[in-house]
C-alpha atoms as a PDB file:
ATOM      1  CA  MET A   1      -1.133  -0.477  45.367  1.00  0.00           C
ATOM      2  CA  LYS A   2      -0.418  -2.890  42.538  1.00  0.00           C
ATOM      3  CA  ASN A   3      -3.363  -1.616  40.510  1.00  0.00           C
ATOM      4  CA  GLY A   4      -2.279   1.957  41.156  1.00  0.00           C
ATOM      5  CA  LEU A   5       1.245   1.176  39.947  1.00  0.00           C
ATOM      6  CA  ARG A   6      -0.106  -0.454  36.796  1.00  0.00           C
ATOM      7  CA  HIS A   7      -2.247   2.599  36.050  1.00  0.00           C
ATOM      8  CA  CYS A   8       0.739   4.896  36.578  1.00  0.00           C
ATOM      9  CA  ILE A   9       2.897   2.810  34.248  1.00  0.00           C
ATOM     10  CA  ALA A  10       0.156   2.723  31.608  1.00  0.00           C
ATOM     11  CA  ALA A  11      -0.237   6.501  31.847  1.00  0.00           C
ATOM     12  CA  LEU A  12       3.514   7.027  31.489  1.00  0.00           C
ATOM     13  CA  ILE A  13       3.671   4.732  28.455  1.00  0.00           C
ATOM     14  CA  ALA A  14       0.723   6.497  26.838  1.00  0.00           C
ATOM     15  CA  GLY A  15       2.393   9.819  27.489  1.00  0.00           C
ATOM     16  CA  PHE A  16       5.668   8.765  25.879  1.00  0.00           C
ATOM     17  CA  ILE A  17       3.825   7.405  22.838  1.00  0.00           C
ATOM     18  CA  ALA A  18       1.657  10.494  22.470  1.00  0.00           C
ATOM     19  CA  VAL A  19       4.711  12.777  22.470  1.00  0.00           C
ATOM     20  CA  GLY A  20       6.166  10.899  19.502  1.00  0.00           C
ATOM     21  CA  CYS A  21       2.952  10.810  17.477  1.00  0.00           C
ATOM     22  CA  GLN A  22       1.481  13.344  15.113  1.00  0.00           C
ATOM     23  CA  THR A  23      -1.844  13.224  13.323  1.00  0.00           C
ATOM     24  CA  VAL A  24      -1.488  13.805   9.582  1.00  0.00           C
ATOM     25  CA  GLN A  25      -3.842  13.997   6.623  1.00  0.00           C
ATOM     26  CA  THR A  26      -1.838  12.301   3.894  1.00  0.00           C
ATOM     27  CA  THR A  27      -4.247  12.772   0.983  1.00  0.00           C
ATOM     28  CA  ARG A  28      -7.153  14.835  -0.200  1.00  0.00           C
ATOM     29  CA  GLY A  29     -10.477  13.033  -0.006  1.00  0.00           C
ATOM     30  CA  GLY A  30     -11.178  12.935  -3.745  1.00  0.00           C
ATOM     31  CA  THR A  31     -14.536  12.016  -5.211  1.00  0.00           C
ATOM     32  CA  VAL A  32     -14.484   8.778  -3.193  1.00  0.00           C
ATOM     33  CA  GLY A  33     -14.158  10.746   0.043  1.00  0.00           C
ATOM     34  CA  VAL A  34     -11.326   8.911   1.796  1.00  0.00           C
ATOM     35  CA  GLU A  35     -10.652  11.210   4.741  1.00  0.00           C
ATOM     36  CA  ARG A  36      -9.053   9.903   7.907  1.00  0.00           C
ATOM     37  CA  GLY A  37      -6.364  11.368  10.127  1.00  0.00           C
ATOM     38  CA  GLN A  38      -3.434   9.009  10.636  1.00  0.00           C
ATOM     39  CA  MET A  39      -1.149   8.787  13.661  1.00  0.00           C
ATOM     40  CA  MET A  40       2.505   8.755  12.641  1.00  0.00           C
ATOM     41  CA  MET A  41       5.614   8.287  14.776  1.00  0.00           C
ATOM     42  CA  VAL A  42       8.195   8.377  11.984  1.00  0.00           C
ATOM     43  CA  SER A  43       8.727  10.951   9.251  1.00  0.00           C
ATOM     44  CA  ALA A  44       7.756  10.400   5.643  1.00  0.00           C
ATOM     45  CA  GLU A  45      11.352  11.159   4.617  1.00  0.00           C
ATOM     46  CA  GLU A  46      12.762   8.397   6.821  1.00  0.00           C
ATOM     47  CA  VAL A  47      10.328   5.806   5.473  1.00  0.00           C
ATOM     48  CA  GLU A  48      10.940   6.888   1.873  1.00  0.00           C
ATOM     49  CA  GLN A  49      14.717   6.596   2.330  1.00  0.00           C
ATOM     50  CA  ALA A  50      14.367   3.145   3.853  1.00  0.00           C
ATOM     51  CA  SER A  51      11.989   2.110   1.054  1.00  0.00           C
ATOM     52  CA  SER A  52      14.397   3.337  -1.608  1.00  0.00           C
ATOM     53  CA  LYS A  53      17.218   1.259  -0.123  1.00  0.00           C
ATOM     54  CA  GLN A  54      15.007  -1.797   0.209  1.00  0.00           C
ATOM     55  CA  TYR A  55      13.770  -1.380  -3.372  1.00  0.00           C
ATOM     56  CA  ALA A  56      17.357  -1.212  -4.656  1.00  0.00           C
ATOM     57  CA  GLU A  57      18.098  -4.480  -2.868  1.00  0.00           C
ATOM     58  CA  VAL A  58      15.024  -6.157  -4.384  1.00  0.00           C
ATOM     59  CA  LEU A  59      16.007  -5.039  -7.889  1.00  0.00           C
ATOM     60  CA  ALA A  60      19.619  -6.127  -7.382  1.00  0.00           C
ATOM     61  CA  GLU A  61      18.476  -9.588  -6.295  1.00  0.00           C
ATOM     62  CA  ALA A  62      16.055  -9.825  -9.231  1.00  0.00           C
ATOM     63  CA  ARG A  63      18.770  -8.728 -11.651  1.00  0.00           C
ATOM     64  CA  LYS A  64      21.130 -11.341 -10.200  1.00  0.00           C
ATOM     65  CA  ASN A  65      18.504 -14.036 -10.808  1.00  0.00           C
ATOM     66  CA  ASN A  66      17.630 -12.770 -14.296  1.00  0.00           C
ATOM     67  CA  ALA A  67      14.120 -11.959 -13.059  1.00  0.00           C
ATOM     68  CA  LEU A  68      14.026  -8.210 -13.744  1.00  0.00           C
ATOM     69  CA  ASN A  69      12.135  -6.803 -16.750  1.00  0.00           C
ATOM     70  CA  ARG A  70      12.680  -9.840 -18.969  1.00  0.00           C
ATOM     71  CA  ASP A  71       9.895  -9.041 -21.461  1.00  0.00           C
ATOM     72  CA  PRO A  72      10.380  -5.584 -23.033  1.00  0.00           C
ATOM     73  CA  ARG A  73       6.848  -5.462 -24.463  1.00  0.00           C
ATOM     74  CA  GLN A  74       5.297  -6.358 -21.121  1.00  0.00           C
ATOM     75  CA  VAL A  75       7.439  -3.776 -19.324  1.00  0.00           C
ATOM     76  CA  ALA A  76       6.519  -1.077 -21.846  1.00  0.00           C
ATOM     77  CA  ARG A  77       2.841  -1.933 -21.429  1.00  0.00           C
ATOM     78  CA  VAL A  78       2.995  -1.800 -17.622  1.00  0.00           C
ATOM     79  CA  ARG A  79       4.978   1.450 -17.562  1.00  0.00           C
ATOM     80  CA  ALA A  80       2.577   3.123 -20.003  1.00  0.00           C
ATOM     81  CA  ILE A  81      -0.379   2.248 -17.775  1.00  0.00           C
ATOM     82  CA  ALA A  82       1.496   3.304 -14.638  1.00  0.00           C
ATOM     83  CA  SER A  83       2.461   6.621 -16.228  1.00  0.00           C
ATOM     84  CA  ARG A  84      -1.176   7.533 -16.812  1.00  0.00           C
ATOM     85  CA  LEU A  85      -2.091   6.599 -13.239  1.00  0.00           C
ATOM     86  CA  ILE A  86       0.865   8.473 -11.760  1.00  0.00           C
ATOM     87  CA  SER A  87      -0.107  11.625 -13.653  1.00  0.00           C
ATOM     88  CA  GLN A  88      -3.433  11.573 -11.770  1.00  0.00           C
ATOM     89  CA  ALA A  89      -1.945  11.014  -8.314  1.00  0.00           C
ATOM     90  CA  THR A  90      -1.632  14.777  -7.851  1.00  0.00           C
ATOM     91  CA  ALA A  91      -5.424  14.934  -7.499  1.00  0.00           C
ATOM     92  CA  PHE A  92      -4.890  13.308  -4.103  1.00  0.00           C
ATOM     93  CA  ARG A  93      -1.362  14.564  -3.344  1.00  0.00           C
ATOM     94  CA  PRO A  94       0.200  17.468  -5.258  1.00  0.00           C
ATOM     95  CA  ASP A  95       3.640  16.530  -3.878  1.00  0.00           C
ATOM     96  CA  THR A  96       3.668  13.258  -5.843  1.00  0.00           C
ATOM     97  CA  GLY A  97       4.744  15.269  -8.863  1.00  0.00           C
ATOM     98  CA  ASP A  98       8.149  15.431  -7.150  1.00  0.00           C
ATOM     99  CA  TRP A  99       8.361  11.756  -6.226  1.00  0.00           C
ATOM    100  CA  GLU A 100      11.031   9.671  -7.950  1.00  0.00           C
ATOM    101  CA  TRP A 101       8.672   7.026  -9.279  1.00  0.00           C
ATOM    102  CA  GLU A 102      10.036   3.688 -10.479  1.00  0.00           C
ATOM    103  CA  VAL A 103       8.073   0.875 -12.132  1.00  0.00           C
ATOM    104  CA  ASN A 104       9.451  -2.593 -12.829  1.00  0.00           C
ATOM    105  CA  VAL A 105       8.180  -6.071 -13.674  1.00  0.00           C
ATOM    106  CA  LEU A 106       9.531  -9.021 -11.706  1.00  0.00           C
ATOM    107  CA  ASN A 107       9.491 -12.428 -13.372  1.00  0.00           C
ATOM    108  CA  SER A 108       7.696 -14.615 -10.855  1.00  0.00           C
ATOM    109  CA  ASP A 109       4.726 -16.982 -10.708  1.00  0.00           C
ATOM    110  CA  GLN A 110       3.422 -15.165  -7.639  1.00  0.00           C
ATOM    111  CA  LEU A 111       0.171 -13.234  -7.998  1.00  0.00           C
ATOM    112  CA  ASN A 112       1.486 -10.068  -6.442  1.00  0.00           C
ATOM    113  CA  ALA A 113       2.170  -6.366  -6.850  1.00  0.00           C
ATOM    114  CA  TRP A 114       3.228  -3.577  -4.518  1.00  0.00           C
ATOM    115  CA  CYS A 115       4.176   0.084  -4.286  1.00  0.00           C
ATOM    116  CA  MET A 116       6.575   1.269  -1.605  1.00  0.00           C
ATOM    117  CA  ALA A 117       6.666   4.711  -0.036  1.00  0.00           C
ATOM    118  CA  GLY A 118       7.751   7.363  -2.500  1.00  0.00           C
ATOM    119  CA  GLY A 119       6.488   5.474  -5.559  1.00  0.00           C
ATOM    120  CA  LYS A 120       8.792   2.446  -5.851  1.00  0.00           C
ATOM    121  CA  MET A 121       6.615  -0.108  -7.662  1.00  0.00           C
ATOM    122  CA  ALA A 122       6.691  -3.681  -8.935  1.00  0.00           C
ATOM    123  CA  ILE A 123       4.166  -6.025 -10.500  1.00  0.00           C
ATOM    124  CA  TYR A 124       4.841  -9.725 -10.963  1.00  0.00           C
ATOM    125  CA  SER A 125       4.597 -11.347 -14.378  1.00  0.00           C
ATOM    126  CA  GLY A 126       2.545 -14.204 -12.937  1.00  0.00           C
ATOM    127  CA  LEU A 127      -0.268 -11.852 -12.011  1.00  0.00           C
ATOM    128  CA  ILE A 128      -0.487 -10.459 -15.544  1.00  0.00           C
ATOM    129  CA  GLU A 129      -0.074 -13.747 -17.381  1.00  0.00           C
ATOM    130  CA  GLN A 130      -1.952 -16.248 -15.220  1.00  0.00           C
ATOM    131  CA  LEU A 131      -4.996 -13.993 -14.876  1.00  0.00           C
ATOM    132  CA  GLN A 132      -4.676 -12.701 -18.469  1.00  0.00           C
ATOM    133  CA  LEU A 133      -5.181  -9.136 -17.290  1.00  0.00           C
ATOM    134  CA  SER A 134      -6.530  -6.451 -19.605  1.00  0.00           C
ATOM    135  CA  ASP A 135      -5.092  -2.930 -19.491  1.00  0.00           C
ATOM    136  CA  ASP A 136      -8.070  -1.841 -17.382  1.00  0.00           C
ATOM    137  CA  GLU A 137      -7.419  -4.669 -14.924  1.00  0.00           C
ATOM    138  CA  ILE A 138      -3.699  -3.860 -14.708  1.00  0.00           C
ATOM    139  CA  ALA A 139      -4.738  -0.281 -13.987  1.00  0.00           C
ATOM    140  CA  ALA A 140      -6.978  -1.573 -11.187  1.00  0.00           C
ATOM    141  CA  VAL A 141      -4.047  -3.492  -9.663  1.00  0.00           C
ATOM    142  CA  MET A 142      -1.585  -0.640  -9.946  1.00  0.00           C
ATOM    143  CA  GLY A 143      -4.077   2.027  -8.907  1.00  0.00           C
ATOM    144  CA  HIS A 144      -4.761   0.031  -5.749  1.00  0.00           C
ATOM    145  CA  GLU A 145      -1.047  -0.266  -4.954  1.00  0.00           C
ATOM    146  CA  ILE A 146      -0.354   3.395  -5.727  1.00  0.00           C
ATOM    147  CA  ALA A 147      -3.171   4.279  -3.338  1.00  0.00           C
ATOM    148  CA  HIS A 148      -1.355   2.470  -0.526  1.00  0.00           C
ATOM    149  CA  ALA A 149       1.674   4.691  -1.170  1.00  0.00           C
ATOM    150  CA  LEU A 150      -0.405   7.878  -1.383  1.00  0.00           C
ATOM    151  CA  ARG A 151      -2.046   7.075   1.950  1.00  0.00           C
ATOM    152  CA  GLU A 152       1.376   6.137   3.421  1.00  0.00           C
ATOM    153  CA  HIS A 153      -0.026   2.914   4.806  1.00  0.00           C
ATOM    154  CA  SER A 154       3.451   1.433   5.284  1.00  0.00           C
ATOM    155  CA  ARG A 155       4.469   4.480   7.344  1.00  0.00           C
ATOM    156  CA  GLU A 156       1.315   4.022   9.407  1.00  0.00           C
ATOM    157  CA  GLN A 157       2.059   0.331   9.972  1.00  0.00           C
ATOM    158  CA  VAL A 158       5.653   1.101  10.945  1.00  0.00           C
ATOM    159  CA  SER A 159       4.394   3.786  13.323  1.00  0.00           C
ATOM    160  CA  LYS A 160       2.043   1.339  15.001  1.00  0.00           C
ATOM    161  CA  ALA A 161       4.863  -1.177  15.359  1.00  0.00           C
ATOM    162  CA  MET A 162       7.092   1.534  16.805  1.00  0.00           C
ATOM    163  CA  ALA A 163       4.371   2.602  19.223  1.00  0.00           C
ATOM    164  CA  THR A 164       4.080  -0.973  20.437  1.00  0.00           C
ATOM    165  CA  GLY A 165       7.850  -1.248  20.692  1.00  0.00           C
ATOM    166  CA  LEU A 166       8.075   2.056  22.529  1.00  0.00           C
ATOM    167  CA  GLY A 167       5.445   0.905  24.968  1.00  0.00           C
ATOM    168  CA  ILE A 168       7.382  -2.286  25.612  1.00  0.00           C
ATOM    169  CA  SER A 169      10.666  -0.351  25.921  1.00  0.00           C
ATOM    170  CA  VAL A 170       9.261   2.141  28.431  1.00  0.00           C
ATOM    171  CA  ALA A 171       7.584  -0.592  30.417  1.00  0.00           C
ATOM    172  CA  GLY A 172      10.793  -2.600  30.348  1.00  0.00           C
ATOM    173  CA  ALA A 173      12.849   0.366  31.544  1.00  0.00           C
ATOM    174  CA  LEU A 174      10.397   1.039  34.359  1.00  0.00           C
ATOM    175  CA  LEU A 175      10.245  -2.585  35.435  1.00  0.00           C
ATOM    176  CA  GLY A 176      13.891  -3.429  34.771  1.00  0.00           C
ATOM    177  CA  VAL A 177      13.271  -6.041  32.052  1.00  0.00           C
ATOM    178  CA  GLY A 178      15.188  -4.570  29.123  1.00  0.00           C
ATOM    179  CA  GLU A 179      14.391  -2.633  25.925  1.00  0.00           C
ATOM    180  CA  VAL A 180      13.185  -3.283  22.387  1.00  0.00           C
ATOM    181  CA  GLY A 181      15.239  -1.953  19.434  1.00  0.00           C
ATOM    182  CA  GLN A 182      13.945  -0.866  16.024  1.00  0.00           C
ATOM    183  CA  ASP A 183      15.372  -1.316  12.532  1.00  0.00           C
ATOM    184  CA  LEU A 184      13.494   0.953  10.155  1.00  0.00           C
ATOM    185  CA  MET A 185      14.679  -0.647   6.926  1.00  0.00           C
ATOM    186  CA  GLY A 186      13.835  -4.093   8.230  1.00  0.00           C
ATOM    187  CA  MET A 187      10.443  -2.857   9.349  1.00  0.00           C
ATOM    188  CA  VAL A 188       9.714  -1.382   5.911  1.00  0.00           C
ATOM    189  CA  ALA A 189      10.618  -4.707   4.299  1.00  0.00           C
ATOM    190  CA  LYS A 190       8.416  -6.546   6.774  1.00  0.00           C
ATOM    191  CA  VAL A 191       5.328  -4.413   6.184  1.00  0.00           C
ATOM    192  CA  THR A 192       5.858  -4.564   2.398  1.00  0.00           C
ATOM    193  CA  PHE A 193       6.502  -8.261   1.931  1.00  0.00           C
ATOM    194  CA  GLU A 194       5.301 -10.077   5.046  1.00  0.00           C
ATOM    195  CA  LEU A 195       2.681  -8.258   7.088  1.00  0.00           C
ATOM    196  CA  PRO A 196      -0.787  -7.859   5.580  1.00  0.00           C
ATOM    197  CA  ASN A 197      -2.470  -4.502   5.271  1.00  0.00           C
ATOM    198  CA  SER A 198      -5.440  -3.984   7.558  1.00  0.00           C
ATOM    199  CA  ARG A 199      -8.914  -4.248   6.091  1.00  0.00           C
ATOM    200  CA  LEU A 200      -9.293  -0.499   6.575  1.00  0.00           C
ATOM    201  CA  HIS A 201      -6.170   0.086   4.486  1.00  0.00           C
ATOM    202  CA  GLU A 202      -7.461  -2.241   1.789  1.00  0.00           C
ATOM    203  CA  VAL A 203     -10.813  -0.467   1.586  1.00  0.00           C
ATOM    204  CA  GLU A 204      -9.084   2.901   1.297  1.00  0.00           C
ATOM    205  CA  ALA A 205      -6.774   1.598  -1.438  1.00  0.00           C
ATOM    206  CA  ASP A 206      -9.715   0.064  -3.305  1.00  0.00           C
ATOM    207  CA  ARG A 207     -11.643   3.328  -3.318  1.00  0.00           C
ATOM    208  CA  ILE A 208      -8.747   5.598  -4.237  1.00  0.00           C
ATOM    209  CA  GLY A 209      -7.572   3.025  -6.794  1.00  0.00           C
ATOM    210  CA  VAL A 210     -10.835   3.103  -8.756  1.00  0.00           C
ATOM    211  CA  GLU A 211     -10.723   6.895  -8.822  1.00  0.00           C
ATOM    212  CA  LEU A 212      -7.124   6.941 -10.073  1.00  0.00           C
ATOM    213  CA  ALA A 213      -8.072   4.484 -12.810  1.00  0.00           C
ATOM    214  CA  ALA A 214     -11.123   6.519 -13.821  1.00  0.00           C
ATOM    215  CA  ARG A 215      -9.168   9.778 -13.940  1.00  0.00           C
ATOM    216  CA  ALA A 216      -6.533   8.061 -16.093  1.00  0.00           C
ATOM    217  CA  GLY A 217      -9.158   6.873 -18.582  1.00  0.00           C
ATOM    218  CA  TYR A 218      -9.342   3.236 -17.446  1.00  0.00           C
ATOM    219  CA  ASP A 219     -12.715   1.644 -16.739  1.00  0.00           C
ATOM    220  CA  PRO A 220     -13.058   1.606 -12.918  1.00  0.00           C
ATOM    221  CA  ARG A 221     -15.507  -1.311 -13.164  1.00  0.00           C
ATOM    222  CA  ALA A 222     -12.544  -3.493 -14.132  1.00  0.00           C
ATOM    223  CA  ALA A 223     -11.667  -3.645 -10.428  1.00  0.00           C
ATOM    224  CA  VAL A 224     -14.747  -5.803  -9.876  1.00  0.00           C
ATOM    225  CA  ARG A 225     -13.697  -8.159 -12.670  1.00  0.00           C
ATOM    226  CA  LEU A 226     -10.149  -8.263 -11.316  1.00  0.00           C
ATOM    227  CA  TRP A 227     -11.264  -9.373  -7.871  1.00  0.00           C
ATOM    228  CA  ASP A 228     -13.540 -12.004  -9.408  1.00  0.00           C
ATOM    229  CA  LYS A 229     -10.443 -13.419 -11.086  1.00  0.00           C
ATOM    230  CA  MET A 230      -8.441 -13.200  -7.872  1.00  0.00           C
ATOM    231  CA  ALA A 231     -11.191 -14.871  -5.853  1.00  0.00           C
ATOM    232  CA  SER A 232     -11.365 -17.707  -8.374  1.00  0.00           C
ATOM    233  CA  ARG A 233      -7.745 -18.499  -7.481  1.00  0.00           C
ATOM    234  CA  ALA A 234      -8.447 -18.500  -3.754  1.00  0.00           C
ATOM    235  CA  SER A 235      -9.543 -22.144  -3.459  1.00  0.00           C
ATOM    236  CA  GLY A 236      -7.138 -24.091  -1.308  1.00  0.00           C
ATOM    237  CA  SER A 237      -4.202 -21.769  -0.640  1.00  0.00           C
ATOM    238  CA  PRO A 238      -5.194 -18.175  -1.481  1.00  0.00           C
ATOM    239  CA  PRO A 239      -2.842 -15.909  -3.439  1.00  0.00           C
ATOM    240  CA  GLN A 240      -0.525 -13.846  -1.227  1.00  0.00           C
ATOM    241  CA  TRP A 241      -2.101 -10.633  -2.486  1.00  0.00           C
ATOM    242  CA  LEU A 242      -5.559 -11.815  -1.393  1.00  0.00           C
ATOM    243  CA  SER A 243      -4.722 -13.497   1.889  1.00  0.00           C
ATOM    244  CA  THR A 244      -6.142 -10.984   4.348  1.00  0.00           C
ATOM    245  CA  HIS A 245      -8.197  -8.720   2.133  1.00  0.00           C
ATOM    246  CA  PRO A 246     -11.864  -8.031   2.880  1.00  0.00           C
ATOM    247  CA  ALA A 247     -14.454 -10.750   2.264  1.00  0.00           C
ATOM    248  CA  HIS A 248     -15.080 -11.166  -1.453  1.00  0.00           C
ATOM    249  CA  ALA A 249     -18.804 -10.338  -1.441  1.00  0.00           C
ATOM    250  CA  ASN A 250     -18.288  -7.209   0.655  1.00  0.00           C
ATOM    251  CA  ARG A 251     -15.409  -6.093  -1.507  1.00  0.00           C
ATOM    252  CA  GLN A 252     -17.340  -6.576  -4.742  1.00  0.00           C
ATOM    253  CA  LYS A 253     -20.254  -4.550  -3.401  1.00  0.00           C
ATOM    254  CA  ASP A 254     -18.002  -1.712  -2.247  1.00  0.00           C
ATOM    255  CA  LEU A 255     -15.979  -1.659  -5.462  1.00  0.00           C
ATOM    256  CA  ALA A 256     -19.124  -1.593  -7.599  1.00  0.00           C
ATOM    257  CA  GLU A 257     -20.548   1.285  -5.550  1.00  0.00           C
ATOM    258  CA  TYR A 258     -17.399   3.399  -5.740  1.00  0.00           C
ATOM    259  CA  ALA A 259     -16.747   2.568  -9.389  1.00  0.00           C
ATOM    260  CA  ALA A 260     -20.217   3.956 -10.110  1.00  0.00           C
ATOM    261  CA  ARG A 261     -19.353   7.138  -8.210  1.00  0.00           C
ATOM    262  CA  VAL A 262     -16.318   7.818 -10.373  1.00  0.00           C
ATOM    263  CA  MET A 263     -17.843   6.874 -13.738  1.00  0.00           C
ATOM    264  CA  PRO A 264     -18.315  10.579 -14.652  1.00  0.00           C
ATOM    265  CA  LEU A 265     -14.531  11.020 -14.226  1.00  0.00           C
ATOM    266  CA  TYR A 266     -13.913   8.047 -16.530  1.00  0.00           C
ATOM    267  CA  GLU A 267     -16.345   9.340 -19.143  1.00  0.00           C
ATOM    268  CA  ALA A 268     -14.759  12.796 -19.023  1.00  0.00           C
ATOM    269  CA  ALA A 269     -11.274  11.273 -19.381  1.00  0.00           C
ATOM    270  CA  LYS A 270     -12.380   9.202 -22.376  1.00  0.00           C
ATOM    271  CA  ARG A 271     -13.770  12.313 -24.079  1.00  0.00           C
END
């Protein structure tokens, strides 16, 4: 009887979760062929709204601490590179032409960068300065982060968290042990700044990132050099941006392979 009850509860939970989920194809495959259906439990609009609010809070805090866009030349350089990458995002998602993109530089020693849902981006000055990044390497960083936004990885992470929470809530209701609440804005902040992306997400962002760079006229092979630099900083306490990414040797091999695939796009863009 107990096993039968457990199976019934599990089936009910699965049913509730399935009702709330939808499988979406967020991007076109591109030359790199990233094609995977993603299960989502929350709308893109809701995540974008929460991201926009969270981004405004981050900028307000940075402005308060005199850490927002302190070097005009550096900001101009970053925004020029980002603009070229953004113009190529429509190859994967035509709707990104309507996104309200924002690009800022935060003054911080952290080796970090990110792009929230809807195109809200930041790169940290420490990443550029400590690693002495070339334009091609900045393009590799930003292309990777833009790819996360195109693939809506934060929405996917939030959906998985919600699915887990829903399962707990339904089980709790059935067994009389309470419910679990959700705070979408807090969840967006958590997946952006605290929780690591899965290795699958990182591989997808790597591959789409090199194609974005190539289409924008930046050498996609710079991604390999970038990760060499990042790995060299990983002795002792690894940089936040590198903490849960794929093993260095595997990543280098994959990046080199996919950079080679998109070299014709880079050569065409340079012409």
